[in-house]
Structures are given as C-alpha cells and as structure tokens.
Amino acid sequence: MSDRIKPPESPDAPDDPIARLIRLAGPRPPVPEERMARVRESVHARWREAATRERRRVVLLITAPIAAGLMAVAIGAGLWLQGKGRVTGAPAALS
C-alpha cells in the first residue's frame, strides 16, 4: 500500500480532509416524527408479511408429507380390503 492511499492513523487526525468535512457539516437534523412513524409502519407491515409467508411455508412443509402418508395408507388399505372381500372357488348353487 502506498503512502498516498494509506488510511489515517486515527480518525481525529488533523490532516484528514474527510473528517474535517464531516466535523464542519455538523450533526444531521432530526427526522420528523411523522416521517419516522410512516417508515416504521411500512417496515413493520413488510416484516409481518414476511413472517406470515415463512409461517405458511413451514406449515406446508410439515403438513404435505403427513397428508401424502395418510393418502398412501388410505389407498393401500382400500386395495387390501378390496382383495379381502372377494370369494374364490365355485358357486355353491346354480339357479
């Protein structure tokens, strides 16, 4: 690193032009309460939407495999019971 682009040793160095400009600019004016409330409300609404989407995703990831498993059990039980009801062999009497 050359000496020309080397950062200053301390942030309060008297020869740092950026620090001098920041000190000359002074503190920023406070944000108006109305604007801060609007921003806070907007951010909170977005956060709520994201949290709801995440909650729905988790519920779907949990319930989908359970539903698929129950469906497989129901189909399997139906096929098994369908085979159990059939009678094999010759009819007992002919009309």
PDB file of N, CA and C in Angstrom:
ATOM      1  N   MET A   1       0.835  -1.165   0.000  1.00  0.00           N
ATOM      2  CA  MET A   1       0.000   0.000   0.000  1.00  0.00           C
ATOM      3  C   MET A   1       0.891   1.243   0.000  1.00  0.00           C
ATOM      4  N   SER A   2       0.609   2.161  -0.877  1.00  0.00           N
ATOM      5  CA  SER A   2       1.444   3.364  -0.926  1.00  0.00           C
ATOM      6  C   SER A   2       1.017   4.337   0.160  1.00  0.00           C
ATOM      7  N   ASP A   3       1.855   5.317   0.429  1.00  0.00           N
ATOM      8  CA  ASP A   3       1.560   6.304   1.479  1.00  0.00           C
ATOM      9  C   ASP A   3       0.410   7.219   1.081  1.00  0.00           C
ATOM     10  N   ARG A   4       0.175   7.389  -0.203  1.00  0.00           N
ATOM     11  CA  ARG A   4      -0.884   8.308  -0.629  1.00  0.00           C
ATOM     12  C   ARG A   4      -2.270   7.768  -0.314  1.00  0.00           C
ATOM     13  N   ILE A   5      -2.500   6.447  -0.387  1.00  0.00           N
ATOM     14  CA  ILE A   5      -3.818   5.898  -0.144  1.00  0.00           C
ATOM     15  C   ILE A   5      -3.920   5.197   1.207  1.00  0.00           C
ATOM     16  N   LYS A   6      -2.899   5.345   2.012  1.00  0.00           N
ATOM     17  CA  LYS A   6      -2.901   4.728   3.336  1.00  0.00           C
ATOM     18  C   LYS A   6      -3.909   5.466   4.219  1.00  0.00           C
ATOM     19  N   PRO A   7      -4.774   4.712   4.951  1.00  0.00           N
ATOM     20  CA  PRO A   7      -5.744   5.389   5.823  1.00  0.00           C
ATOM     21  C   PRO A   7      -5.028   6.105   6.952  1.00  0.00           C
ATOM     22  N   PRO A   8      -5.650   7.139   7.513  1.00  0.00           N
ATOM     23  CA  PRO A   8      -5.009   7.874   8.608  1.00  0.00           C
ATOM     24  C   PRO A   8      -4.856   6.982   9.831  1.00  0.00           C
ATOM     25  N   GLU A   9      -3.914   7.329  10.682  1.00  0.00           N
ATOM     26  CA  GLU A   9      -3.628   6.535  11.876  1.00  0.00           C
ATOM     27  C   GLU A   9      -4.789   6.577  12.867  1.00  0.00           C
ATOM     28  N   SER A  10      -5.427   7.730  13.012  1.00  0.00           N
ATOM     29  CA  SER A  10      -6.557   7.849  13.931  1.00  0.00           C
ATOM     30  C   SER A  10      -7.656   8.649  13.232  1.00  0.00           C
ATOM     31  N   PRO A  11      -8.907   8.448  13.617  1.00  0.00           N
ATOM     32  CA  PRO A  11      -9.984   9.188  12.967  1.00  0.00           C
ATOM     33  C   PRO A  11      -9.957  10.674  13.268  1.00  0.00           C
ATOM     34  N   ASP A  12      -9.248  11.099  14.308  1.00  0.00           N
ATOM     35  CA  ASP A  12      -9.180  12.516  14.658  1.00  0.00           C
ATOM     36  C   ASP A  12      -7.934  13.198  14.116  1.00  0.00           C
ATOM     37  N   ALA A  13      -7.308  12.611  13.112  1.00  0.00           N
ATOM     38  CA  ALA A  13      -6.088  13.196  12.553  1.00  0.00           C
ATOM     39  C   ALA A  13      -6.431  14.569  11.967  1.00  0.00           C
ATOM     40  N   PRO A  14      -5.638  15.591  12.264  1.00  0.00           N
ATOM     41  CA  PRO A  14      -5.948  16.950  11.789  1.00  0.00           C
ATOM     42  C   PRO A  14      -5.803  17.105  10.273  1.00  0.00           C
ATOM     43  N   ASP A  15      -5.039  16.230   9.627  1.00  0.00           N
ATOM     44  CA  ASP A  15      -4.834  16.379   8.190  1.00  0.00           C
ATOM     45  C   ASP A  15      -5.797  15.516   7.373  1.00  0.00           C
ATOM     46  N   ASP A  16      -6.800  14.906   7.999  1.00  0.00           N
ATOM     47  CA  ASP A  16      -7.762  14.073   7.279  1.00  0.00           C
ATOM     48  C   ASP A  16      -8.867  14.976   6.728  1.00  0.00           C
ATOM     49  N   PRO A  17      -8.911  15.161   5.388  1.00  0.00           N
ATOM     50  CA  PRO A  17      -9.901  16.093   4.821  1.00  0.00           C
ATOM     51  C   PRO A  17     -11.350  15.599   4.980  1.00  0.00           C
ATOM     52  N   ILE A  18     -11.577  14.316   4.954  1.00  0.00           N
ATOM     53  CA  ILE A  18     -12.933  13.792   5.096  1.00  0.00           C
ATOM     54  C   ILE A  18     -13.449  14.059   6.512  1.00  0.00           C
ATOM     55  N   ALA A  19     -12.623  13.771   7.512  1.00  0.00           N
ATOM     56  CA  ALA A  19     -13.018  14.014   8.897  1.00  0.00           C
ATOM     57  C   ALA A  19     -13.289  15.494   9.120  1.00  0.00           C
ATOM     58  N   ARG A  20     -12.481  16.345   8.502  1.00  0.00           N
ATOM     59  CA  ARG A  20     -12.681  17.791   8.647  1.00  0.00           C
ATOM     60  C   ARG A  20     -14.018  18.201   8.040  1.00  0.00           C
ATOM     61  N   LEU A  21     -14.356  17.664   6.866  1.00  0.00           N
ATOM     62  CA  LEU A  21     -15.638  18.000   6.235  1.00  0.00           C
ATOM     63  C   LEU A  21     -16.818  17.523   7.076  1.00  0.00           C
ATOM     64  N   ILE A  22     -16.691  16.347   7.645  1.00  0.00           N
ATOM     65  CA  ILE A  22     -17.777  15.817   8.481  1.00  0.00           C
ATOM     66  C   ILE A  22     -17.955  16.681   9.720  1.00  0.00           C
ATOM     67  N   ARG A  23     -16.852  17.092  10.330  1.00  0.00           N
ATOM     68  CA  ARG A  23     -16.957  17.961  11.505  1.00  0.00           C
ATOM     69  C   ARG A  23     -17.581  19.300  11.132  1.00  0.00           C
ATOM     70  N   LEU A  24     -17.209  19.851   9.954  1.00  0.00           N
ATOM     71  CA  LEU A  24     -17.768  21.134   9.522  1.00  0.00           C
ATOM     72  C   LEU A  24     -19.266  21.023   9.216  1.00  0.00           C
ATOM     73  N   ALA A  25     -19.699  19.861   8.733  1.00  0.00           N
ATOM     74  CA  ALA A  25     -21.111  19.692   8.393  1.00  0.00           C
ATOM     75  C   ALA A  25     -21.980  19.684   9.639  1.00  0.00           C
ATOM     76  N   GLY A  26     -21.455  19.198  10.731  1.00  0.00           N
ATOM     77  CA  GLY A  26     -22.213  19.171  11.975  1.00  0.00           C
ATOM     78  C   GLY A  26     -23.201  18.014  12.013  1.00  0.00           C
ATOM     79  N   PRO A  27     -23.977  17.942  13.087  1.00  0.00           N
ATOM     80  CA  PRO A  27     -24.929  16.836  13.220  1.00  0.00           C
ATOM     81  C   PRO A  27     -26.100  16.997  12.241  1.00  0.00           C
ATOM     82  N   ARG A  28     -26.648  15.865  11.856  1.00  0.00           N
ATOM     83  CA  ARG A  28     -27.814  15.893  10.961  1.00  0.00           C
ATOM     84  C   ARG A  28     -29.037  16.350  11.735  1.00  0.00           C
ATOM     85  N   PRO A  29     -29.967  17.000  11.047  1.00  0.00           N
ATOM     86  CA  PRO A  29     -31.196  17.393  11.747  1.00  0.00           C
ATOM     87  C   PRO A  29     -32.019  16.143  12.063  1.00  0.00           C
ATOM     88  N   PRO A  30     -32.775  16.180  13.139  1.00  0.00           N
ATOM     89  CA  PRO A  30     -33.576  15.000  13.487  1.00  0.00           C
ATOM     90  C   PRO A  30     -34.665  14.749  12.441  1.00  0.00           C
ATOM     91  N   VAL A  31     -35.039  13.477  12.297  1.00  0.00           N
ATOM     92  CA  VAL A  31     -36.087  13.093  11.350  1.00  0.00           C
ATOM     93  C   VAL A  31     -37.436  13.481  11.947  1.00  0.00           C
ATOM     94  N   PRO A  32     -38.322  14.074  11.143  1.00  0.00           N
ATOM     95  CA  PRO A  32     -39.643  14.429  11.667  1.00  0.00           C
ATOM     96  C   PRO A  32     -40.394  13.183  12.157  1.00  0.00           C
ATOM     97  N   GLU A  33     -41.146  13.349  13.245  1.00  0.00           N
ATOM     98  CA  GLU A  33     -41.865  12.237  13.852  1.00  0.00           C
ATOM     99  C   GLU A  33     -42.843  11.593  12.872  1.00  0.00           C
ATOM    100  N   GLU A  34     -43.510  12.408  12.072  1.00  0.00           N
ATOM    101  CA  GLU A  34     -44.500  11.882  11.115  1.00  0.00           C
ATOM    102  C   GLU A  34     -43.829  10.957  10.105  1.00  0.00           C
ATOM    103  N   ARG A  35     -42.679  11.365   9.610  1.00  0.00           N
ATOM    104  CA  ARG A  35     -41.959  10.541   8.638  1.00  0.00           C
ATOM    105  C   ARG A  35     -41.435   9.267   9.291  1.00  0.00           C
ATOM    106  N   MET A  36     -40.916   9.394  10.522  1.00  0.00           N
ATOM    107  CA  MET A  36     -40.405   8.225  11.222  1.00  0.00           C
ATOM    108  C   MET A  36     -41.536   7.219  11.472  1.00  0.00           C
ATOM    109  N   ALA A  37     -42.714   7.710  11.831  1.00  0.00           N
ATOM    110  CA  ALA A  37     -43.863   6.822  12.068  1.00  0.00           C
ATOM    111  C   ALA A  37     -44.277   6.124  10.777  1.00  0.00           C
ATOM    112  N   ARG A  38     -44.265   6.856   9.660  1.00  0.00           N
ATOM    113  CA  ARG A  38     -44.617   6.265   8.360  1.00  0.00           C
ATOM    114  C   ARG A  38     -43.644   5.172   7.966  1.00  0.00           C
ATOM    115  N   VAL A  39     -42.363   5.428   8.135  1.00  0.00           N
ATOM    116  CA  VAL A  39     -41.341   4.438   7.790  1.00  0.00           C
ATOM    117  C   VAL A  39     -41.462   3.229   8.704  1.00  0.00           C
ATOM    118  N   ARG A  40     -41.629   3.463   9.994  1.00  0.00           N
ATOM    119  CA  ARG A  40     -41.749   2.365  10.950  1.00  0.00           C
ATOM    120  C   ARG A  40     -42.973   1.500  10.615  1.00  0.00           C
ATOM    121  N   GLU A  41     -44.098   2.125  10.280  1.00  0.00           N
ATOM    122  CA  GLU A  41     -45.309   1.386   9.930  1.00  0.00           C
ATOM    123  C   GLU A  41     -45.113   0.564   8.656  1.00  0.00           C
ATOM    124  N   SER A  42     -44.463   1.155   7.674  1.00  0.00           N
ATOM    125  CA  SER A  42     -44.207   0.446   6.416  1.00  0.00           C
ATOM    126  C   SER A  42     -43.283  -0.751   6.629  1.00  0.00           C
ATOM    127  N   VAL A  43     -42.231  -0.557   7.385  1.00  0.00           N
ATOM    128  CA  VAL A  43     -41.287  -1.643   7.660  1.00  0.00           C
ATOM    129  C   VAL A  43     -41.970  -2.740   8.468  1.00  0.00           C
ATOM    130  N   HIS A  44     -42.791  -2.349   9.425  1.00  0.00           N
ATOM    131  CA  HIS A  44     -43.481  -3.341  10.248  1.00  0.00           C
ATOM    132  C   HIS A  44     -44.456  -4.159   9.393  1.00  0.00           C
ATOM    133  N   ALA A  45     -45.156  -3.504   8.465  1.00  0.00           N
ATOM    134  CA  ALA A  45     -46.080  -4.224   7.582  1.00  0.00           C
ATOM    135  C   ALA A  45     -45.330  -5.226   6.714  1.00  0.00           C
ATOM    136  N   ARG A  46     -44.194  -4.832   6.163  1.00  0.00           N
ATOM    137  CA  ARG A  46     -43.386  -5.753   5.354  1.00  0.00           C
ATOM    138  C   ARG A  46     -42.877  -6.918   6.190  1.00  0.00           C
ATOM    139  N   TRP A  47     -42.455  -6.620   7.427  1.00  0.00           N
ATOM    140  CA  TRP A  47     -41.980  -7.682   8.317  1.00  0.00           C
ATOM    141  C   TRP A  47     -43.099  -8.674   8.617  1.00  0.00           C
ATOM    142  N   ARG A  48     -44.302  -8.152   8.876  1.00  0.00           N
ATOM    143  CA  ARG A  48     -45.444  -9.033   9.150  1.00  0.00           C
ATOM    144  C   ARG A  48     -45.739  -9.930   7.959  1.00  0.00           C
ATOM    145  N   GLU A  49     -45.700  -9.372   6.742  1.00  0.00           N
ATOM    146  CA  GLU A  49     -45.932 -10.170   5.530  1.00  0.00           C
ATOM    147  C   GLU A  49     -44.881 -11.276   5.403  1.00  0.00           C
ATOM    148  N   ALA A  50     -43.625 -10.928   5.630  1.00  0.00           N
ATOM    149  CA  ALA A  50     -42.553 -11.924   5.515  1.00  0.00           C
ATOM    150  C   ALA A  50     -42.702 -13.007   6.578  1.00  0.00           C
ATOM    151  N   ALA A  51     -43.067 -12.619   7.789  1.00  0.00           N
ATOM    152  CA  ALA A  51     -43.241 -13.601   8.868  1.00  0.00           C
ATOM    153  C   ALA A  51     -44.418 -14.527   8.556  1.00  0.00           C
ATOM    154  N   THR A  52     -45.492 -13.972   7.999  1.00  0.00           N
ATOM    155  CA  THR A  52     -46.656 -14.791   7.637  1.00  0.00           C
ATOM    156  C   THR A  52     -46.307 -15.769   6.532  1.00  0.00           C
ATOM    157  N   ARG A  53     -45.577 -15.297   5.528  1.00  0.00           N
ATOM    158  CA  ARG A  53     -45.154 -16.191   4.438  1.00  0.00           C
ATOM    159  C   ARG A  53     -44.291 -17.324   4.979  1.00  0.00           C
ATOM    160  N   GLU A  54     -43.374 -17.016   5.875  1.00  0.00           N
ATOM    161  CA  GLU A  54     -42.494 -18.041   6.442  1.00  0.00           C
ATOM    162  C   GLU A  54     -43.294 -19.049   7.257  1.00  0.00           C
ATOM    163  N   ARG A  55     -44.248 -18.549   8.032  1.00  0.00           N
ATOM    164  CA  ARG A  55     -45.081 -19.443   8.841  1.00  0.00           C
ATOM    165  C   ARG A  55     -45.883 -20.386   7.936  1.00  0.00           C
ATOM    166  N   ARG A  56     -46.449 -19.853   6.854  1.00  0.00           N
ATOM    167  CA  ARG A  56     -47.207 -20.687   5.910  1.00  0.00           C
ATOM    168  C   ARG A  56     -46.309 -21.734   5.262  1.00  0.00           C
ATOM    169  N   ARG A  57     -45.096 -21.344   4.923  1.00  0.00           N
ATOM    170  CA  ARG A  57     -44.158 -22.277   4.301  1.00  0.00           C
ATOM    171  C   ARG A  57     -43.831 -23.417   5.252  1.00  0.00           C
ATOM    172  N   VAL A  58     -43.593 -23.107   6.512  1.00  0.00           N
ATOM    173  CA  VAL A  58     -43.265 -24.142   7.492  1.00  0.00           C
ATOM    174  C   VAL A  58     -44.453 -25.082   7.682  1.00  0.00           C
ATOM    175  N   VAL A  59     -45.655 -24.520   7.777  1.00  0.00           N
ATOM    176  CA  VAL A  59     -46.848 -25.351   7.934  1.00  0.00           C
ATOM    177  C   VAL A  59     -47.010 -26.269   6.725  1.00  0.00           C
ATOM    178  N   LEU A  60     -46.799 -25.745   5.530  1.00  0.00           N
ATOM    179  CA  LEU A  60     -46.910 -26.562   4.321  1.00  0.00           C
ATOM    180  C   LEU A  60     -45.854 -27.657   4.299  1.00  0.00           C
ATOM    181  N   LEU A  61     -44.628 -27.334   4.698  1.00  0.00           N
ATOM    182  CA  LEU A  61     -43.566 -28.338   4.702  1.00  0.00           C
ATOM    183  C   LEU A  61     -43.819 -29.439   5.728  1.00  0.00           C
ATOM    184  N   ILE A  62     -44.576 -29.137   6.763  1.00  0.00           N
ATOM    185  CA  ILE A  62     -44.893 -30.156   7.766  1.00  0.00           C
ATOM    186  C   ILE A  62     -46.122 -30.961   7.356  1.00  0.00           C
ATOM    187  N   THR A  63     -47.160 -30.288   6.866  1.00  0.00           N
ATOM    188  CA  THR A  63     -48.422 -30.979   6.583  1.00  0.00           C
ATOM    189  C   THR A  63     -48.408 -31.751   5.271  1.00  0.00           C
ATOM    190  N   ALA A  64     -47.657 -31.329   4.286  1.00  0.00           N
ATOM    191  CA  ALA A  64     -47.649 -32.024   2.991  1.00  0.00           C
ATOM    192  C   ALA A  64     -47.178 -33.476   3.115  1.00  0.00           C
ATOM    193  N   PRO A  65     -46.061 -33.767   3.777  1.00  0.00           N
ATOM    194  CA  PRO A  65     -45.655 -35.169   3.910  1.00  0.00           C
ATOM    195  C   PRO A  65     -46.643 -35.997   4.739  1.00  0.00           C
ATOM    196  N   ILE A  66     -47.235 -35.380   5.755  1.00  0.00           N
ATOM    197  CA  ILE A  66     -48.221 -36.102   6.567  1.00  0.00           C
ATOM    198  C   ILE A  66     -49.431 -36.448   5.715  1.00  0.00           C
ATOM    199  N   ALA A  67     -49.913 -35.496   4.931  1.00  0.00           N
ATOM    200  CA  ALA A  67     -51.068 -35.745   4.067  1.00  0.00           C
ATOM    201  C   ALA A  67     -50.743 -36.815   3.024  1.00  0.00           C
ATOM    202  N   ALA A  68     -49.559 -36.777   2.458  1.00  0.00           N
ATOM    203  CA  ALA A  68     -49.167 -37.784   1.470  1.00  0.00           C
ATOM    204  C   ALA A  68     -49.104 -39.172   2.110  1.00  0.00           C
ATOM    205  N   GLY A  69     -48.587 -39.250   3.309  1.00  0.00           N
ATOM    206  CA  GLY A  69     -48.523 -40.529   4.008  1.00  0.00           C
ATOM    207  C   GLY A  69     -49.909 -41.076   4.326  1.00  0.00           C
ATOM    208  N   LEU A  70     -50.787 -40.219   4.795  1.00  0.00           N
ATOM    209  CA  LEU A  70     -52.159 -40.653   5.072  1.00  0.00           C
ATOM    210  C   LEU A  70     -52.873 -41.111   3.803  1.00  0.00           C
ATOM    211  N   MET A  71     -52.639 -40.410   2.707  1.00  0.00           N
ATOM    212  CA  MET A  71     -53.244 -40.796   1.428  1.00  0.00           C
ATOM    213  C   MET A  71     -52.719 -42.172   1.000  1.00  0.00           C
ATOM    214  N   ALA A  72     -51.442 -42.406   1.152  1.00  0.00           N
ATOM    215  CA  ALA A  72     -50.870 -43.702   0.777  1.00  0.00           C
ATOM    216  C   ALA A  72     -51.448 -44.820   1.649  1.00  0.00           C
ATOM    217  N   VAL A  73     -51.617 -44.563   2.940  1.00  0.00           N
ATOM    218  CA  VAL A  73     -52.203 -45.565   3.836  1.00  0.00           C
ATOM    219  C   VAL A  73     -53.653 -45.837   3.437  1.00  0.00           C
ATOM    220  N   ALA A  74     -54.409 -44.804   3.123  1.00  0.00           N
ATOM    221  CA  ALA A  74     -55.810 -44.979   2.741  1.00  0.00           C
ATOM    222  C   ALA A  74     -55.929 -45.774   1.438  1.00  0.00           C
ATOM    223  N   ILE A  75     -55.108 -45.462   0.456  1.00  0.00           N
ATOM    224  CA  ILE A  75     -55.152 -46.193  -0.815  1.00  0.00           C
ATOM    225  C   ILE A  75     -54.720 -47.639  -0.591  1.00  0.00           C
ATOM    226  N   GLY A  76     -53.670 -47.841   0.177  1.00  0.00           N
ATOM    227  CA  GLY A  76     -53.209 -49.200   0.474  1.00  0.00           C
ATOM    228  C   GLY A  76     -54.265 -50.006   1.214  1.00  0.00           C
ATOM    229  N   ALA A  77     -54.899 -49.398   2.204  1.00  0.00           N
ATOM    230  CA  ALA A  77     -55.947 -50.101   2.951  1.00  0.00           C
ATOM    231  C   ALA A  77     -57.131 -50.411   2.047  1.00  0.00           C
ATOM    232  N   GLY A  78     -57.475 -49.490   1.158  1.00  0.00           N
ATOM    233  CA  GLY A  78     -58.579 -49.733   0.225  1.00  0.00           C
ATOM    234  C   GLY A  78     -58.278 -50.890  -0.700  1.00  0.00           C
ATOM    235  N   LEU A  79     -57.079 -50.933  -1.235  1.00  0.00           N
ATOM    236  CA  LEU A  79     -56.710 -52.037  -2.132  1.00  0.00           C
ATOM    237  C   LEU A  79     -56.645 -53.363  -1.364  1.00  0.00           C
ATOM    238  N   TRP A  80     -56.151 -53.328  -0.148  1.00  0.00           N
ATOM    239  CA  TRP A  80     -56.055 -54.543   0.655  1.00  0.00           C
ATOM    240  C   TRP A  80     -57.444 -55.073   1.015  1.00  0.00           C
ATOM    241  N   LEU A  81     -58.335 -54.171   1.421  1.00  0.00           N
ATOM    242  CA  LEU A  81     -59.699 -54.581   1.772  1.00  0.00           C
ATOM    243  C   LEU A  81     -60.490 -55.023   0.543  1.00  0.00           C
ATOM    244  N   GLN A  82     -60.218 -54.447  -0.607  1.00  0.00           N
ATOM    245  CA  GLN A  82     -60.906 -54.845  -1.838  1.00  0.00           C
ATOM    246  C   GLN A  82     -60.559 -56.295  -2.177  1.00  0.00           C
ATOM    247  N   GLY A  83     -59.341 -56.680  -1.998  1.00  0.00           N
ATOM    248  CA  GLY A  83     -58.920 -58.055  -2.265  1.00  0.00           C
ATOM    249  C   GLY A  83     -59.462 -59.040  -1.231  1.00  0.00           C
ATOM    250  N   LYS A  84     -59.698 -58.607  -0.014  1.00  0.00           N
ATOM    251  CA  LYS A  84     -60.203 -59.469   1.053  1.00  0.00           C
ATOM    252  C   LYS A  84     -61.674 -59.832   0.852  1.00  0.00           C
ATOM    253  N   GLY A  85     -62.463 -59.029   0.209  1.00  0.00           N
ATOM    254  CA  GLY A  85     -63.892 -59.262   0.065  1.00  0.00           C
ATOM    255  C   GLY A  85     -64.242 -60.244  -1.030  1.00  0.00           C
ATOM    256  N   ARG A  86     -63.325 -60.580  -1.874  1.00  0.00           N
ATOM    257  CA  ARG A  86     -63.618 -61.493  -2.985  1.00  0.00           C
ATOM    258  C   ARG A  86     -63.608 -62.938  -2.503  1.00  0.00           C
ATOM    259  N   VAL A  87     -64.556 -63.679  -2.980  1.00  0.00           N
ATOM    260  CA  VAL A  87     -64.650 -65.105  -2.657  1.00  0.00           C
ATOM    261  C   VAL A  87     -64.114 -65.878  -3.844  1.00  0.00           C
ATOM    262  N   THR A  88     -63.253 -66.805  -3.561  1.00  0.00           N
ATOM    263  CA  THR A  88     -62.719 -67.623  -4.640  1.00  0.00           C
ATOM    264  C   THR A  88     -63.359 -69.010  -4.593  1.00  0.00           C
ATOM    265  N   GLY A  89     -63.397 -69.662  -5.703  1.00  0.00           N
ATOM    266  CA  GLY A  89     -63.956 -71.007  -5.752  1.00  0.00           C
ATOM    267  C   GLY A  89     -65.233 -71.058  -6.573  1.00  0.00           C
ATOM    268  N   ALA A  90     -65.856 -72.215  -6.619  1.00  0.00           N
ATOM    269  CA  ALA A  90     -67.057 -72.420  -7.424  1.00  0.00           C
ATOM    270  C   ALA A  90     -68.276 -71.935  -6.647  1.00  0.00           C
ATOM    271  N   PRO A  91     -69.300 -71.467  -7.389  1.00  0.00           N
ATOM    272  CA  PRO A  91     -70.517 -71.062  -6.721  1.00  0.00           C
ATOM    273  C   PRO A  91     -71.180 -72.259  -6.035  1.00  0.00           C
ATOM    274  N   ALA A  92     -71.866 -72.010  -4.935  1.00  0.00           N
ATOM    275  CA  ALA A  92     -72.498 -73.084  -4.164  1.00  0.00           C
ATOM    276  C   ALA A  92     -73.696 -73.670  -4.878  1.00  0.00           C
ATOM    277  N   ALA A  93     -74.464 -72.885  -5.572  1.00  0.00           N
ATOM    278  CA  ALA A  93     -75.676 -73.407  -6.249  1.00  0.00           C
ATOM    279  C   ALA A  93     -75.873 -72.634  -7.537  1.00  0.00           C
ATOM    280  N   LEU A  94     -76.390 -73.306  -8.508  1.00  0.00           N
ATOM    281  CA  LEU A  94     -76.705 -72.683  -9.768  1.00  0.00           C
ATOM    282  C   LEU A  94     -78.216 -72.533  -9.860  1.00  0.00           C
ATOM    283  N   SER A  95     -78.694 -71.492 -10.381  1.00  0.00           N
ATOM    284  CA  SER A  95     -80.134 -71.372 -10.492  1.00  0.00           C
ATOM    285  C   SER A  95     -80.679 -71.961 -11.767  1.00  0.00           C
TER     286      SER A  95
END
